[in-house]
Amino acid sequence: MTGPMTTDDLRKAFSEQLMGLRESVIQPLFDAADGMRADLRARGWSEAVIDPVVAAWLAATLAKIAGGGK
């Protein structure tokens, strides 16, 4: 039987969970944003318009995730 987790154990576990979240949730969103940027560029959209559109979508999507979709 193991004893209670130390602060270092908790930090390590928390860090590992964050990395898992980054790989499974956040990275695919950035990949989708990159794909959206490439698609808009291929459709002839102006670079001056593409970045704000993609940034707004990404920010809104991350906010939904952080807020539980509220």
Protein backbone atom coordinates (compact mmCIF):
# COMPACT_ATOMS: atom_id res chain seq x y z
CA MET A 1 0.00 0.00 0.00
CA THR A 2 1.35 3.41 -0.89
CA GLY A 3 1.18 6.48 1.31
CA PRO A 4 -0.44 9.81 0.53
CA MET A 5 0.74 11.67 -2.55
CA THR A 6 3.37 14.31 -2.02
CA THR A 7 3.16 17.78 -3.51
CA ASP A 8 5.68 16.75 -6.14
CA ASP A 9 3.60 13.67 -6.99
CA LEU A 10 0.52 15.87 -7.39
CA ARG A 11 2.39 18.35 -9.58
CA LYS A 12 3.65 15.55 -11.79
CA ALA A 13 0.20 13.99 -12.10
CA PHE A 14 -1.37 17.37 -12.87
CA SER A 15 1.28 18.13 -15.51
CA GLU A 16 0.72 14.75 -17.16
CA GLN A 17 -3.03 15.35 -17.26
CA LEU A 18 -2.52 18.79 -18.83
CA MET A 19 -0.24 17.34 -21.48
CA GLY A 20 -2.84 14.70 -22.27
CA LEU A 21 -5.50 17.39 -22.57
CA ARG A 22 -3.24 19.41 -24.85
CA GLU A 23 -2.66 16.46 -27.15
CA SER A 24 -6.23 15.17 -27.22
CA VAL A 25 -8.27 18.39 -27.21
CA ILE A 26 -6.27 21.53 -27.84
CA GLN A 27 -3.87 20.40 -30.56
CA PRO A 28 -6.70 19.20 -32.85
CA LEU A 29 -8.29 22.64 -32.55
CA PHE A 30 -5.08 24.34 -33.63
CA ASP A 31 -4.83 21.85 -36.49
CA ALA A 32 -8.40 22.72 -37.52
CA ALA A 33 -7.55 26.43 -37.38
CA ASP A 34 -4.54 25.81 -39.62
CA GLY A 35 -6.78 23.92 -42.05
CA MET A 36 -9.33 26.72 -41.98
CA ARG A 37 -6.57 29.24 -42.71
CA ALA A 38 -5.33 27.15 -45.67
CA ASP A 39 -8.86 26.72 -47.03
CA LEU A 40 -9.63 30.43 -46.85
CA ARG A 41 -6.29 31.23 -48.49
CA ALA A 42 -7.08 28.73 -51.30
CA ARG A 43 -10.45 30.42 -51.79
CA GLY A 44 -8.70 33.73 -52.36
CA TRP A 45 -9.43 35.44 -49.08
CA SER A 46 -7.16 38.29 -48.10
CA GLU A 47 -4.47 37.59 -45.50
CA ALA A 48 -5.71 40.68 -43.64
CA VAL A 49 -9.08 38.98 -43.19
CA ILE A 50 -7.98 35.38 -42.67
CA ASP A 51 -6.07 35.85 -39.42
CA PRO A 52 -8.82 37.72 -37.53
CA VAL A 53 -11.47 35.23 -38.72
CA VAL A 54 -9.43 32.19 -37.72
CA ALA A 55 -8.34 33.79 -34.42
CA ALA A 56 -11.95 34.64 -33.54
CA TRP A 57 -13.08 31.08 -34.28
CA LEU A 58 -10.24 29.57 -32.26
CA ALA A 59 -10.79 31.92 -29.31
CA ALA A 60 -14.53 31.24 -29.27
CA THR A 61 -13.99 27.48 -29.48
CA LEU A 62 -11.44 27.48 -26.66
CA ALA A 63 -13.77 29.64 -24.56
CA LYS A 64 -16.62 27.17 -25.11
CA ILE A 65 -14.43 24.32 -23.97
CA ALA A 66 -13.17 26.23 -20.94
CA GLY A 67 -16.69 27.27 -20.02
CA GLY A 68 -18.20 23.86 -20.52
CA GLY A 69 -20.08 24.93 -23.65
CA LYS A 70 -22.05 27.65 -21.87
